[in-house]
N, C-alpha and C. Protein backbone atom coordinates (compact mmCIF):
# COMPACT_ATOMS: atom_id res chain seq x y z
N MET A 1 139.13 85.14 144.03
CA MET A 1 137.97 85.25 144.32
C MET A 1 137.54 84.16 145.16
N ARG A 2 136.69 84.49 146.05
CA ARG A 2 136.32 84.10 147.20
C ARG A 2 135.11 83.18 146.42
N PRO A 3 134.93 82.03 147.15
CA PRO A 3 133.84 80.77 146.31
C PRO A 3 132.65 81.12 146.23
N LEU A 4 131.94 81.88 147.47
CA LEU A 4 130.74 82.28 147.82
C LEU A 4 130.47 83.16 146.93
N LEU A 5 131.25 84.30 146.39
CA LEU A 5 131.17 85.47 145.46
C LEU A 5 131.26 84.95 144.04
N ALA A 6 132.32 84.13 143.53
CA ALA A 6 132.02 83.33 142.36
C ALA A 6 130.99 82.63 141.99
N THR A 7 130.18 81.78 143.02
CA THR A 7 129.08 81.39 142.82
C THR A 7 127.71 81.84 142.69
N LEU A 8 127.85 83.32 143.36
CA LEU A 8 126.79 84.17 143.27
C LEU A 8 126.82 84.82 141.77
N LEU A 9 128.01 85.15 141.12
CA LEU A 9 128.17 85.71 139.91
C LEU A 9 127.69 84.70 138.94
N LEU A 10 128.25 83.56 138.99
CA LEU A 10 127.75 82.57 137.81
C LEU A 10 126.30 82.65 137.78
N ALA A 11 125.77 82.40 139.21
CA ALA A 11 124.24 82.21 139.14
C ALA A 11 123.78 83.21 138.42
N GLY A 12 123.93 84.70 138.81
CA GLY A 12 123.24 85.72 138.12
C GLY A 12 123.43 85.86 136.57
N LEU A 13 124.84 85.52 136.12
CA LEU A 13 124.77 85.61 134.63
C LEU A 13 123.96 84.28 133.84
N SER A 14 123.83 82.99 134.60
CA SER A 14 122.95 82.09 134.11
C SER A 14 121.17 82.41 134.01
N ALA A 15 120.97 83.15 135.02
CA ALA A 15 119.84 83.78 134.67
C ALA A 15 119.40 84.55 133.58
N ALA A 16 120.56 85.44 133.37
CA ALA A 16 120.39 86.38 132.41
C ALA A 16 120.51 85.93 131.07
N LEU A 17 121.01 84.86 130.95
CA LEU A 17 120.88 84.02 129.42
C LEU A 17 119.91 83.23 129.44
N LEU A 18 119.18 82.78 130.57
CA LEU A 18 118.35 81.84 130.44
C LEU A 18 117.01 82.76 129.88
N PRO A 19 115.69 82.14 128.99
CA PRO A 19 114.58 82.64 128.42
C PRO A 19 113.67 83.06 129.89
N ASP A 20 113.21 84.11 129.91
CA ASP A 20 111.92 84.59 130.82
C ASP A 20 111.14 83.41 131.05
N ALA A 21 110.89 83.02 132.34
CA ALA A 21 109.96 82.04 132.81
C ALA A 21 108.43 82.51 132.78
N VAL A 22 108.18 83.59 133.04
CA VAL A 22 106.86 84.00 132.70
C VAL A 22 106.26 84.07 131.27
N THR A 23 107.31 84.49 130.57
CA THR A 23 106.91 84.40 128.96
C THR A 23 106.90 83.09 128.36
N ALA A 24 107.69 82.05 128.97
CA ALA A 24 107.45 80.75 128.38
C ALA A 24 105.93 80.16 128.74
N ASP A 25 105.90 80.24 129.94
CA ASP A 25 104.47 79.81 130.62
C ASP A 25 103.39 80.56 129.54
N GLU A 26 103.41 82.00 129.21
CA GLU A 26 102.29 82.61 128.75
C GLU A 26 102.08 81.84 127.20
N THR A 27 103.31 81.63 126.61
CA THR A 27 103.16 80.98 125.30
C THR A 27 102.35 79.70 125.37
N GLY A 28 102.67 78.72 126.22
CA GLY A 28 101.86 77.63 126.32
C GLY A 28 101.98 76.69 125.11
N ARG A 29 101.06 75.86 124.73
CA ARG A 29 100.76 74.98 123.81
C ARG A 29 100.03 75.58 122.99
N ARG A 30 100.20 75.15 121.29
CA ARG A 30 99.55 75.84 120.66
C ARG A 30 99.57 75.23 119.27
N ILE A 31 97.98 75.46 118.52
CA ILE A 31 97.89 74.71 117.36
C ILE A 31 98.27 76.09 116.25
N ILE A 32 99.06 75.76 115.26
CA ILE A 32 99.14 77.12 114.27
C ILE A 32 98.24 76.44 112.98
N VAL A 33 97.29 76.90 112.39
CA VAL A 33 96.72 76.63 111.01
C VAL A 33 96.70 77.74 110.16
N THR A 34 96.59 77.38 108.93
CA THR A 34 96.16 78.27 107.89
C THR A 34 94.83 77.88 107.13
N GLY A 35 93.96 78.80 107.18
CA GLY A 35 92.65 78.36 106.56
C GLY A 35 92.42 79.43 105.46
N SER A 36 91.94 79.05 104.29
CA SER A 36 91.72 79.80 103.08
C SER A 36 90.47 79.36 102.13
N ALA A 37 89.80 80.38 101.85
CA ALA A 37 88.34 79.90 100.85
C ALA A 37 88.34 80.99 99.63
N GLU A 38 87.43 80.43 98.68
CA GLU A 38 87.23 81.05 97.37
C GLU A 38 85.76 81.37 97.53
N VAL A 39 85.25 82.46 96.76
CA VAL A 39 84.03 82.87 96.26
C VAL A 39 84.19 83.31 94.61
N GLU A 40 82.88 82.95 93.91
CA GLU A 40 82.98 83.34 92.72
C GLU A 40 82.18 84.59 92.61
N ALA A 41 82.31 85.52 91.75
CA ALA A 41 81.65 86.72 91.47
C ALA A 41 81.19 87.27 90.22
N VAL A 42 80.31 87.29 89.75
CA VAL A 42 80.01 88.06 88.53
C VAL A 42 80.64 89.38 88.50
N PRO A 43 81.94 89.81 87.25
CA PRO A 43 82.49 90.87 87.36
C PRO A 43 81.41 92.19 86.72
N ASP A 44 81.71 93.13 87.25
CA ASP A 44 81.12 94.43 86.41
C ASP A 44 81.91 95.36 86.05
N ILE A 45 83.09 95.47 85.99
CA ILE A 45 83.95 96.44 85.29
C ILE A 45 84.93 95.49 84.38
N ALA A 46 85.47 96.14 83.36
CA ALA A 46 86.52 95.57 82.76
C ALA A 46 87.83 96.16 82.25
N THR A 47 89.01 96.13 82.14
CA THR A 47 89.97 97.04 81.70
C THR A 47 90.60 96.24 80.57
N VAL A 48 90.91 97.21 79.57
CA VAL A 48 91.53 96.84 78.52
C VAL A 48 92.47 97.82 78.15
N SER A 49 93.85 97.37 77.40
CA SER A 49 94.99 97.94 76.92
C SER A 49 94.86 98.59 75.43
N ALA A 50 94.71 99.74 75.11
CA ALA A 50 94.41 100.06 73.60
C ALA A 50 95.21 101.37 73.23
N GLY A 51 95.65 100.92 71.88
CA GLY A 51 96.18 102.56 71.81
C GLY A 51 96.81 102.48 70.13
N VAL A 52 97.66 103.16 69.62
CA VAL A 52 97.95 103.05 68.29
C VAL A 52 99.80 103.10 68.30
N GLU A 53 100.06 102.43 67.31
CA GLU A 53 101.56 102.13 67.04
C GLU A 53 101.63 103.07 65.34
N SER A 54 102.43 104.12 65.47
CA SER A 54 102.69 104.38 64.03
C SER A 54 104.12 104.57 63.55
N GLN A 55 104.36 104.48 62.31
CA GLN A 55 105.78 104.31 61.42
C GLN A 55 105.69 105.31 60.48
N ALA A 56 106.78 106.10 60.36
CA ALA A 56 107.60 106.84 59.21
C ALA A 56 108.58 106.92 59.40
N PRO A 57 109.21 107.39 57.89
CA PRO A 57 110.73 107.61 57.91
C PRO A 57 111.60 108.56 58.82
N VAL A 58 110.81 109.54 59.24
CA VAL A 58 111.47 110.28 60.25
C VAL A 58 110.54 110.37 61.69
N ALA A 59 111.31 110.81 62.76
CA ALA A 59 110.72 110.48 64.04
C ALA A 59 109.49 111.74 64.19
N ALA A 60 109.45 112.93 63.37
CA ALA A 60 108.55 113.79 63.75
C ALA A 60 107.18 113.62 63.21
N ALA A 61 107.37 113.00 61.71
CA ALA A 61 106.37 112.18 61.24
C ALA A 61 105.67 111.26 61.97
N ALA A 62 106.09 110.42 62.53
CA ALA A 62 105.98 109.09 63.19
C ALA A 62 105.08 109.60 64.54
N LEU A 63 105.61 110.71 65.29
CA LEU A 63 104.98 111.37 66.54
C LEU A 63 103.50 111.90 65.80
N ALA A 64 103.54 112.80 64.97
CA ALA A 64 102.58 113.79 64.62
C ALA A 64 101.43 112.57 63.88
N ALA A 65 101.86 111.51 63.19
CA ALA A 65 100.48 110.42 62.80
C ALA A 65 100.15 109.77 64.00
N ASN A 66 100.97 109.63 65.10
CA ASN A 66 100.55 108.97 66.06
C ASN A 66 99.65 109.89 67.13
N ALA A 67 99.76 111.10 67.12
CA ALA A 67 98.98 112.18 67.91
C ALA A 67 97.56 111.97 67.11
N THR A 68 97.56 112.45 65.85
CA THR A 68 96.35 112.58 65.08
C THR A 68 95.78 110.96 65.49
N ALA A 69 95.87 110.09 65.34
CA ALA A 69 95.32 108.72 65.63
C ALA A 69 94.78 108.53 67.10
N MET A 70 95.46 108.90 68.00
CA MET A 70 95.32 108.95 69.39
C MET A 70 94.07 109.89 69.81
N ASN A 71 94.43 110.95 68.92
CA ASN A 71 93.26 111.93 69.23
C ASN A 71 91.72 111.23 68.53
N ALA A 72 91.77 110.77 67.45
CA ALA A 72 90.87 110.02 67.05
C ALA A 72 90.40 109.02 68.27
N VAL A 73 91.05 108.08 68.93
CA VAL A 73 90.72 107.16 69.64
C VAL A 73 90.27 107.78 70.91
N PHE A 74 90.83 108.81 71.62
CA PHE A 74 89.98 109.46 72.36
C PHE A 74 88.92 109.79 72.26
N GLY A 75 88.47 110.49 70.99
CA GLY A 75 87.18 111.08 70.67
C GLY A 75 86.05 109.57 70.83
N ALA A 76 86.79 108.53 70.20
CA ALA A 76 85.82 107.58 70.05
C ALA A 76 85.35 106.69 71.45
N LEU A 77 86.29 106.91 72.15
CA LEU A 77 86.24 106.53 73.89
C LEU A 77 85.29 107.04 74.34
N GLU A 78 85.15 108.42 74.19
CA GLU A 78 84.40 109.67 74.69
C GLU A 78 83.17 109.43 74.49
N ALA A 79 82.71 108.79 73.27
CA ALA A 79 81.79 108.91 72.32
C ALA A 79 80.79 107.57 72.59
N SER A 80 81.74 106.96 73.26
CA SER A 80 81.20 105.38 73.62
C SER A 80 80.82 105.64 74.99
N GLY A 81 80.96 106.58 75.82
CA GLY A 81 80.41 106.69 76.91
C GLY A 81 81.54 106.42 78.13
N VAL A 82 82.89 106.16 77.72
CA VAL A 82 83.88 106.35 78.51
C VAL A 82 84.63 107.54 79.08
N ALA A 83 84.36 107.76 80.71
CA ALA A 83 84.79 108.79 81.07
C ALA A 83 86.26 109.17 81.30
N ARG A 84 86.84 110.32 80.79
CA ARG A 84 88.31 110.78 80.92
C ARG A 84 88.88 110.24 82.16
N ALA A 85 88.31 110.15 83.09
CA ALA A 85 88.97 109.68 84.50
C ALA A 85 89.16 108.18 84.11
N ASP A 86 88.51 107.35 83.40
CA ASP A 86 88.44 105.94 83.28
C ASP A 86 89.59 105.75 81.89
N VAL A 87 90.48 106.54 81.75
CA VAL A 87 91.39 106.51 80.60
C VAL A 87 92.94 106.84 81.15
N GLN A 88 93.62 106.12 81.15
CA GLN A 88 95.02 106.89 81.68
C GLN A 88 96.07 105.73 80.80
N THR A 89 97.14 106.81 80.53
CA THR A 89 98.01 106.57 79.61
C THR A 89 99.19 105.43 80.37
N SER A 90 99.32 104.50 79.83
CA SER A 90 100.00 103.44 80.12
C SER A 90 101.67 103.31 79.78
N GLN A 91 101.66 103.88 78.21
CA GLN A 91 103.12 103.73 77.72
C GLN A 91 103.06 104.73 76.37
N LEU A 92 104.15 105.60 76.70
CA LEU A 92 104.39 106.39 75.29
C LEU A 92 106.07 106.45 74.97
N SER A 93 106.11 105.78 73.67
CA SER A 93 107.70 106.04 73.46
C SER A 93 107.49 106.14 72.01
N LEU A 94 109.07 106.30 71.72
CA LEU A 94 109.24 106.66 70.30
C LEU A 94 110.78 105.86 70.21
N ASP A 95 110.82 104.64 69.32
CA ASP A 95 112.07 103.77 68.86
C ASP A 95 112.47 103.87 67.46
N SER A 96 113.67 103.71 67.47
CA SER A 96 114.21 103.70 66.08
C SER A 96 113.90 102.41 65.34
N ILE A 97 113.86 102.07 63.88
CA ILE A 97 113.63 101.09 63.26
C ILE A 97 114.85 100.52 62.61
N TRP A 98 115.42 99.53 62.78
CA TRP A 98 116.91 99.27 62.33
C TRP A 98 116.48 98.05 61.29
N GLU A 99 117.44 98.24 60.40
CA GLU A 99 117.64 97.16 59.35
C GLU A 99 119.14 96.81 59.11
N ASN A 100 118.91 95.22 59.03
CA ASN A 100 120.37 94.70 59.21
C ASN A 100 120.67 94.51 57.40
N ARG A 101 122.02 94.86 57.13
CA ARG A 101 122.50 95.13 55.96
C ARG A 101 122.76 93.63 55.28
N SER A 102 122.72 93.38 54.12
CA SER A 102 122.81 92.21 53.60
C SER A 102 124.20 92.33 53.34
N ASP A 103 125.28 93.15 53.32
CA ASP A 103 126.70 93.12 53.16
C ASP A 103 127.33 93.16 54.21
N GLY A 104 126.66 92.79 55.47
CA GLY A 104 127.29 92.57 56.61
C GLY A 104 127.77 93.74 57.16
N GLY A 105 127.53 95.05 56.70
CA GLY A 105 127.76 96.21 57.09
C GLY A 105 126.78 96.57 58.62
N ALA A 106 127.17 97.75 59.36
CA ALA A 106 126.50 98.01 60.44
C ALA A 106 125.08 98.33 60.22
N PRO A 107 123.97 97.78 61.24
CA PRO A 107 122.74 98.04 60.83
C PRO A 107 122.27 99.54 60.62
N LYS A 108 121.58 100.01 59.95
CA LYS A 108 121.19 101.56 59.85
C LYS A 108 119.62 101.82 60.34
N VAL A 109 119.37 102.96 60.64
CA VAL A 109 118.10 103.54 60.90
C VAL A 109 117.18 103.63 59.83
N VAL A 110 115.97 102.91 59.57
CA VAL A 110 115.28 103.09 58.26
C VAL A 110 113.96 103.85 58.46
N GLY A 111 113.59 103.89 59.97
CA GLY A 111 112.70 104.61 60.23
C GLY A 111 112.45 104.80 61.86
N TYR A 112 111.16 105.24 62.11
CA TYR A 112 110.66 105.31 63.45
C TYR A 112 109.22 104.86 63.65
N GLN A 113 109.07 104.33 65.10
CA GLN A 113 107.78 104.03 65.35
C GLN A 113 107.73 104.55 66.81
N ALA A 114 106.38 105.28 66.77
CA ALA A 114 105.99 106.11 67.87
C ALA A 114 104.56 105.04 68.30
N SER A 115 104.61 104.88 69.69
CA SER A 115 103.64 104.34 70.26
C SER A 115 103.22 104.77 71.41
N ASN A 116 101.62 105.02 71.78
CA ASN A 116 100.97 105.52 72.71
C ASN A 116 99.70 104.53 73.03
N MET A 117 100.04 103.89 74.40
CA MET A 117 98.83 102.99 75.09
C MET A 117 98.35 103.60 76.24
N VAL A 118 96.91 103.28 76.21
CA VAL A 118 96.10 103.79 77.38
C VAL A 118 95.60 102.54 77.83
N THR A 119 95.10 102.24 79.33
CA THR A 119 94.35 101.57 80.05
C THR A 119 93.05 102.20 80.11
N VAL A 120 92.25 101.44 79.75
CA VAL A 120 90.56 102.03 79.64
C VAL A 120 90.07 101.00 80.48
N THR A 121 89.10 101.55 81.28
CA THR A 121 88.13 101.10 82.36
C THR A 121 86.60 100.84 81.89
N VAL A 122 86.09 99.92 81.36
CA VAL A 122 84.80 100.28 80.88
C VAL A 122 83.89 99.59 82.03
N ARG A 123 83.04 100.34 82.51
CA ARG A 123 82.02 100.40 83.76
C ARG A 123 80.81 99.43 83.48
N ASP A 124 80.50 99.01 82.33
CA ASP A 124 79.37 98.21 81.72
C ASP A 124 80.21 97.29 81.07
N THR A 125 80.15 96.04 81.48
CA THR A 125 80.97 94.88 80.74
C THR A 125 80.14 94.68 79.26
N ALA A 126 78.96 94.90 79.61
CA ALA A 126 78.20 94.41 78.34
C ALA A 126 78.69 95.41 76.92
N ARG A 127 79.12 96.49 77.43
CA ARG A 127 79.37 97.51 76.31
C ARG A 127 80.98 97.26 75.93
N LEU A 128 81.59 96.31 76.43
CA LEU A 128 83.38 96.07 76.19
C LEU A 128 83.69 96.01 74.44
N GLY A 129 82.61 95.05 74.21
CA GLY A 129 82.93 94.61 72.43
C GLY A 129 82.91 96.00 71.96
N ALA A 130 81.55 96.79 72.19
CA ALA A 130 81.11 98.09 71.39
C ALA A 130 82.67 99.01 71.42
N VAL A 131 82.99 99.18 72.47
CA VAL A 131 84.22 99.98 72.90
C VAL A 131 85.37 99.55 72.04
N VAL A 132 85.80 98.45 72.33
CA VAL A 132 86.86 97.59 71.37
C VAL A 132 86.90 98.40 70.03
N ASP A 133 85.41 97.62 69.45
CA ASP A 133 85.18 97.93 68.00
C ASP A 133 85.44 99.71 67.66
N ALA A 134 85.01 100.61 68.61
CA ALA A 134 85.05 101.92 68.37
C ALA A 134 86.39 102.38 68.30
N VAL A 135 87.06 101.86 69.03
CA VAL A 135 88.87 101.84 69.14
C VAL A 135 89.37 101.87 67.86
N ALA A 136 89.00 100.60 67.51
CA ALA A 136 89.88 99.60 66.39
C ALA A 136 88.99 100.66 64.94
N ALA A 137 87.76 101.13 65.26
CA ALA A 137 87.35 102.09 63.96
C ALA A 137 88.16 103.29 64.05
N ALA A 138 88.15 103.88 64.80
CA ALA A 138 88.93 105.20 65.18
C ALA A 138 90.96 105.31 64.81
N GLY A 139 91.12 103.87 64.36
CA GLY A 139 92.71 104.07 64.17
C GLY A 139 93.12 103.26 65.05
N GLY A 140 92.71 102.68 66.27
CA GLY A 140 93.72 102.05 67.46
C GLY A 140 93.67 100.60 66.93
N ASN A 141 95.19 100.40 66.64
CA ASN A 141 95.68 99.02 66.37
C ASN A 141 96.60 98.24 66.96
N ARG A 142 96.29 98.37 68.19
CA ARG A 142 97.06 97.57 69.59
C ARG A 142 96.12 97.43 70.62
N ILE A 143 95.27 96.22 70.86
CA ILE A 143 94.42 96.15 71.61
C ILE A 143 94.63 94.59 72.56
N PHE A 144 95.14 94.76 73.76
CA PHE A 144 95.29 93.62 74.41
C PHE A 144 95.16 93.79 75.99
N GLY A 145 95.35 92.63 76.66
CA GLY A 145 95.28 92.72 78.06
C GLY A 145 93.95 93.24 78.89
N VAL A 146 92.96 92.16 78.36
CA VAL A 146 91.66 92.37 78.88
C VAL A 146 91.63 91.73 80.37
N SER A 147 90.74 92.16 81.31
CA SER A 147 90.81 91.57 82.56
C SER A 147 89.40 92.21 83.08
N PHE A 148 88.95 91.63 84.14
CA PHE A 148 87.59 91.88 84.69
C PHE A 148 87.42 91.93 86.14
N ALA A 149 86.98 92.22 86.75
CA ALA A 149 87.07 92.55 88.15
C ALA A 149 85.67 93.05 88.84
N VAL A 150 85.45 92.99 90.25
CA VAL A 150 84.64 93.53 90.67
C VAL A 150 84.86 94.87 91.26
N ASP A 151 83.89 95.83 90.83
CA ASP A 151 84.01 97.19 91.25
C ASP A 151 84.26 97.44 93.10
N GLU A 152 83.25 96.98 93.52
CA GLU A 152 83.15 96.88 95.14
C GLU A 152 83.06 95.69 95.49
N PRO A 153 84.28 94.64 95.95
CA PRO A 153 84.37 93.57 96.13
C PRO A 153 84.36 93.23 97.48
N ARG A 154 83.90 93.95 98.66
CA ARG A 154 83.90 93.87 100.13
C ARG A 154 82.86 92.81 100.32
N ALA A 155 82.03 92.78 99.94
CA ALA A 155 80.94 91.57 100.29
C ALA A 155 81.39 90.26 99.92
N GLN A 156 82.00 90.26 99.10
CA GLN A 156 82.40 88.65 98.60
C GLN A 156 83.90 88.36 99.30
N ILE A 157 84.77 89.55 99.58
CA ILE A 157 85.86 89.07 100.10
C ILE A 157 85.53 88.63 101.73
N ASP A 158 84.43 89.61 102.24
CA ASP A 158 84.28 89.08 103.65
C ASP A 158 83.77 87.62 103.68
N ALA A 159 82.94 87.59 102.72
CA ALA A 159 82.08 86.00 102.72
C ALA A 159 83.40 85.13 102.51
N ALA A 160 84.46 85.36 101.71
CA ALA A 160 85.74 84.59 101.96
C ALA A 160 86.43 84.54 103.06
N ARG A 161 86.64 85.56 104.04
CA ARG A 161 87.17 85.79 105.10
C ARG A 161 86.32 84.93 105.98
N GLU A 162 85.10 84.74 106.28
CA GLU A 162 84.58 83.84 107.17
C GLU A 162 84.57 82.34 107.09
N ARG A 163 84.63 81.91 105.67
CA ARG A 163 84.85 80.54 105.22
C ARG A 163 86.31 80.50 105.59
N ALA A 164 87.04 81.44 105.20
CA ALA A 164 88.75 80.94 105.81
C ALA A 164 88.98 80.64 107.10
N VAL A 165 88.25 81.68 108.12
CA VAL A 165 88.17 81.23 109.39
C VAL A 165 87.59 79.97 109.83
N ALA A 166 86.58 79.67 109.00
CA ALA A 166 85.75 78.14 109.59
C ALA A 166 86.74 77.35 108.89
N ASP A 167 87.61 77.35 107.95
CA ASP A 167 88.49 76.68 107.17
C ASP A 167 89.54 75.95 108.36
N ALA A 168 90.03 77.24 108.94
CA ALA A 168 91.21 77.01 109.90
C ALA A 168 90.69 76.27 111.12
N ARG A 169 89.32 76.83 111.70
CA ARG A 169 88.85 76.24 112.80
C ARG A 169 88.76 74.29 112.32
N ALA A 170 88.22 73.96 111.33
CA ALA A 170 88.06 72.73 111.25
C ALA A 170 89.24 71.98 111.13
N LYS A 171 90.15 72.59 110.37
CA LYS A 171 91.61 71.77 110.76
C LYS A 171 92.13 71.82 111.83
N ALA A 172 91.93 72.78 112.62
CA ALA A 172 92.61 73.09 114.13
C ALA A 172 91.88 71.72 114.81
N GLU A 173 90.36 71.67 114.66
CA GLU A 173 89.74 70.47 115.49
C GLU A 173 90.11 68.97 114.99
N LEU A 174 90.48 69.08 113.77
CA LEU A 174 91.31 67.58 113.15
C LEU A 174 92.64 67.58 113.78
N TYR A 175 93.11 68.15 113.95
CA TYR A 175 94.41 67.89 114.45
C TYR A 175 94.68 67.52 116.13
N ALA A 176 93.69 68.37 116.64
CA ALA A 176 93.34 68.33 117.91
C ALA A 176 92.83 66.69 118.36
N THR A 177 91.91 66.51 117.87
CA THR A 177 91.32 65.23 117.86
C THR A 177 92.40 64.19 117.45
N ALA A 178 93.09 64.21 116.60
CA ALA A 178 94.09 63.26 116.27
C ALA A 178 95.29 62.92 117.04
N ALA A 179 95.74 64.59 117.70
CA ALA A 179 96.60 64.26 118.82
C ALA A 179 96.32 63.93 120.39
N GLY A 180 94.83 63.90 120.38
CA GLY A 180 94.06 63.45 121.86
C GLY A 180 94.41 64.39 122.69
N VAL A 181 94.18 65.89 122.16
CA VAL A 181 94.13 67.04 123.09
C VAL A 181 92.89 68.04 122.88
N LYS A 182 92.57 68.94 123.69
CA LYS A 182 91.33 69.77 123.36
C LYS A 182 91.78 71.39 122.69
N LEU A 183 90.74 71.36 121.82
CA LEU A 183 91.20 72.78 121.43
C LEU A 183 90.46 73.90 122.18
N GLY A 184 91.47 74.65 122.39
CA GLY A 184 91.23 75.70 123.30
C GLY A 184 90.73 77.21 121.95
N ALA A 185 90.96 78.30 123.09
CA ALA A 185 90.04 79.55 122.56
C ALA A 185 91.12 79.81 121.16
N VAL A 186 90.76 81.12 120.63
CA VAL A 186 91.52 81.43 119.48
C VAL A 186 92.71 82.45 120.14
N MET A 187 93.76 82.43 119.83
CA MET A 187 94.76 83.55 120.58
C MET A 187 95.08 84.65 119.56
N SER A 188 95.13 84.15 118.08
CA SER A 188 95.51 85.26 117.20
C SER A 188 95.00 84.92 115.86
N ILE A 189 94.86 85.95 114.93
CA ILE A 189 94.17 85.87 113.70
C ILE A 189 95.21 86.43 113.01
N SER A 190 95.83 86.46 112.13
CA SER A 190 96.48 87.28 110.90
C SER A 190 96.16 86.77 109.45
N GLU A 191 95.73 87.75 108.86
CA GLU A 191 95.53 87.74 107.30
C GLU A 191 96.50 87.82 106.22
N GLY A 192 96.38 86.76 105.46
CA GLY A 192 97.43 86.86 104.18
C GLY A 192 96.83 87.26 103.27
N GLY A 193 97.80 87.26 102.09
CA GLY A 193 97.17 87.95 100.71
C GLY A 193 96.18 87.32 100.17
N GLY A 194 95.30 88.18 99.83
CA GLY A 194 93.96 87.36 98.90
C GLY A 194 94.37 87.09 97.48
N MET A 195 93.26 86.61 97.07
CA MET A 195 93.31 85.96 95.79
C MET A 195 92.66 87.11 95.05
N GLY A 196 93.22 87.71 94.00
CA GLY A 196 92.16 88.64 92.93
C GLY A 196 91.83 88.09 92.28
N PRO A 197 91.09 88.69 91.37
CA PRO A 197 90.27 88.55 90.21
C PRO A 197 91.10 87.64 89.02
N SER A 198 90.69 86.65 88.51
CA SER A 198 91.44 85.85 87.07
C SER A 198 91.17 86.82 86.13
N PRO A 199 92.20 87.17 85.33
CA PRO A 199 91.88 87.60 83.72
C PRO A 199 91.28 86.85 83.13
N ALA A 200 90.66 87.05 82.01
CA ALA A 200 89.84 86.37 80.94
C ALA A 200 90.24 87.33 79.63
N PRO A 201 90.11 86.13 78.73
CA PRO A 201 90.72 86.70 77.25
C PRO A 201 89.80 87.20 76.52
N LEU A 202 90.44 87.88 75.28
CA LEU A 202 89.48 89.01 74.50
C LEU A 202 89.17 88.08 73.36
N PHE A 203 88.15 87.63 72.88
CA PHE A 203 88.14 86.91 71.84
C PHE A 203 88.11 87.64 70.55
N ALA A 204 88.35 86.63 69.45
CA ALA A 204 88.43 87.49 68.34
C ALA A 204 87.09 87.79 67.65
N ARG A 205 87.08 88.87 66.60
CA ARG A 205 85.66 89.45 66.10
C ARG A 205 85.04 88.07 65.37
N ALA A 206 83.96 88.04 65.58
CA ALA A 206 83.33 86.87 65.01
C ALA A 206 82.56 87.44 63.45
N GLU A 207 82.26 88.38 63.22
CA GLU A 207 81.79 88.86 62.15
C GLU A 207 81.87 90.62 62.05
N ALA A 208 81.88 91.07 60.85
CA ALA A 208 82.30 92.53 60.81
C ALA A 208 80.93 93.41 61.13
N ALA A 209 79.58 92.74 61.04
CA ALA A 209 78.48 93.80 61.53
C ALA A 209 78.21 93.69 62.96
N ALA A 210 78.76 92.68 63.65
CA ALA A 210 78.46 92.35 65.10
C ALA A 210 79.58 93.12 65.86
N ASP A 211 79.41 93.25 67.14
CA ASP A 211 80.37 93.65 68.54
C ASP A 211 81.24 92.78 68.64
N THR A 212 82.66 92.95 68.95
CA THR A 212 83.55 91.76 69.05
C THR A 212 82.87 91.31 70.32
N PRO A 213 82.67 89.91 70.32
CA PRO A 213 82.62 89.07 71.27
C PRO A 213 83.33 88.92 72.49
N VAL A 214 82.57 89.15 73.70
CA VAL A 214 83.32 89.18 75.02
C VAL A 214 82.79 88.27 76.00
N ALA A 215 83.39 87.44 76.48
CA ALA A 215 82.77 86.40 77.64
C ALA A 215 83.55 86.86 78.96
N GLU A 216 82.67 87.45 79.70
CA GLU A 216 83.25 88.25 81.14
C GLU A 216 83.24 86.84 82.24
N GLY A 217 82.33 85.84 81.78
CA GLY A 217 82.52 84.65 82.78
C GLY A 217 82.34 85.32 84.47
N THR A 218 83.16 84.63 85.23
CA THR A 218 83.30 84.92 86.79
C THR A 218 84.63 85.01 87.12
N VAL A 219 84.84 86.09 88.08
CA VAL A 219 86.13 86.12 88.76
C VAL A 219 85.92 85.18 89.79
N THR A 220 87.25 84.83 90.46
CA THR A 220 87.47 83.94 91.67
C THR A 220 87.94 85.40 92.83
N LEU A 221 87.54 85.38 93.98
CA LEU A 221 87.93 86.35 95.10
C LEU A 221 88.23 85.50 96.10
N GLY A 222 89.55 85.55 96.88
CA GLY A 222 89.59 84.76 98.35
C GLY A 222 90.25 85.39 99.07
N ALA A 223 90.50 84.35 100.01
CA ALA A 223 91.32 84.99 101.55
C ALA A 223 91.91 83.87 102.09
N THR A 224 93.05 84.36 102.69
CA THR A 224 93.86 83.45 103.54
C THR A 224 94.08 83.88 104.64
N VAL A 225 93.96 83.15 105.91
CA VAL A 225 94.03 83.71 107.28
C VAL A 225 95.03 82.35 107.91
N GLU A 226 95.76 82.81 109.06
CA GLU A 226 96.59 82.18 109.75
C GLU A 226 96.01 82.44 111.28
N VAL A 227 95.20 81.24 112.02
CA VAL A 227 94.73 81.10 112.86
C VAL A 227 95.64 80.58 114.14
N VAL A 228 95.97 81.18 115.47
CA VAL A 228 96.47 80.10 116.25
C VAL A 228 95.59 79.94 117.56
N PHE A 229 95.44 78.86 117.84
CA PHE A 229 94.50 78.02 119.08
C PHE A 229 95.59 77.76 120.30
N ALA A 230 94.54 78.03 121.16
CA ALA A 230 95.39 77.15 122.65
C ALA A 230 95.08 75.89 122.47
N ILE A 231 95.74 75.23 123.08
CA ILE A 231 95.38 73.70 123.57
C ILE A 231 95.34 73.57 124.77
N GLU A 232 94.04 73.37 125.51
CA GLU A 232 93.77 73.25 126.85
C GLU A 232 94.20 72.06 127.41
């Protein structure tokens, strides 16, 4: 190969392997920070898991007893003002009940357990205790998983977003000052996963004549953003 031709080919190959010079210049110097913020809100809806577990010597009897009790629970929810659209089946099962033999033989089936669970949305948190009591009175023997939320959280989340961006800018300005550089314009903003409402416990019944006491407290809503600033 002639020396001049070899030199030109090597130069072309090197240029192809090097990063684009224009792209490198456009990237420039940057400060990348993450900002986060939280806001407190009073919840206005609650969800609770409730249902019936029924046992019987034969499967059909367990299912029949469970169906009767669950129909009573559905009726109690409707009478308490809970719309059918706010009641959703979350678990439906039929399981064998096993008993270990004292003589060391193989376990045997001694009965069956039917379970039917629903997730109930209560749109008036002040009524949650009364709804729980109505379910229990109708035959519901499984109640757990109470949580609270804000039905329309957009305003609170937007407030958290604004504070998260302000938090990111404050961090970037601190870093720029510490590094002896000048903070430039925002190059990009990306949002991370927000923090949803925290669950609250269902407190035990205080006395038979009163509704089950429930403390909804507040829920925390938050936002996280990644902001890229230019360095001038």
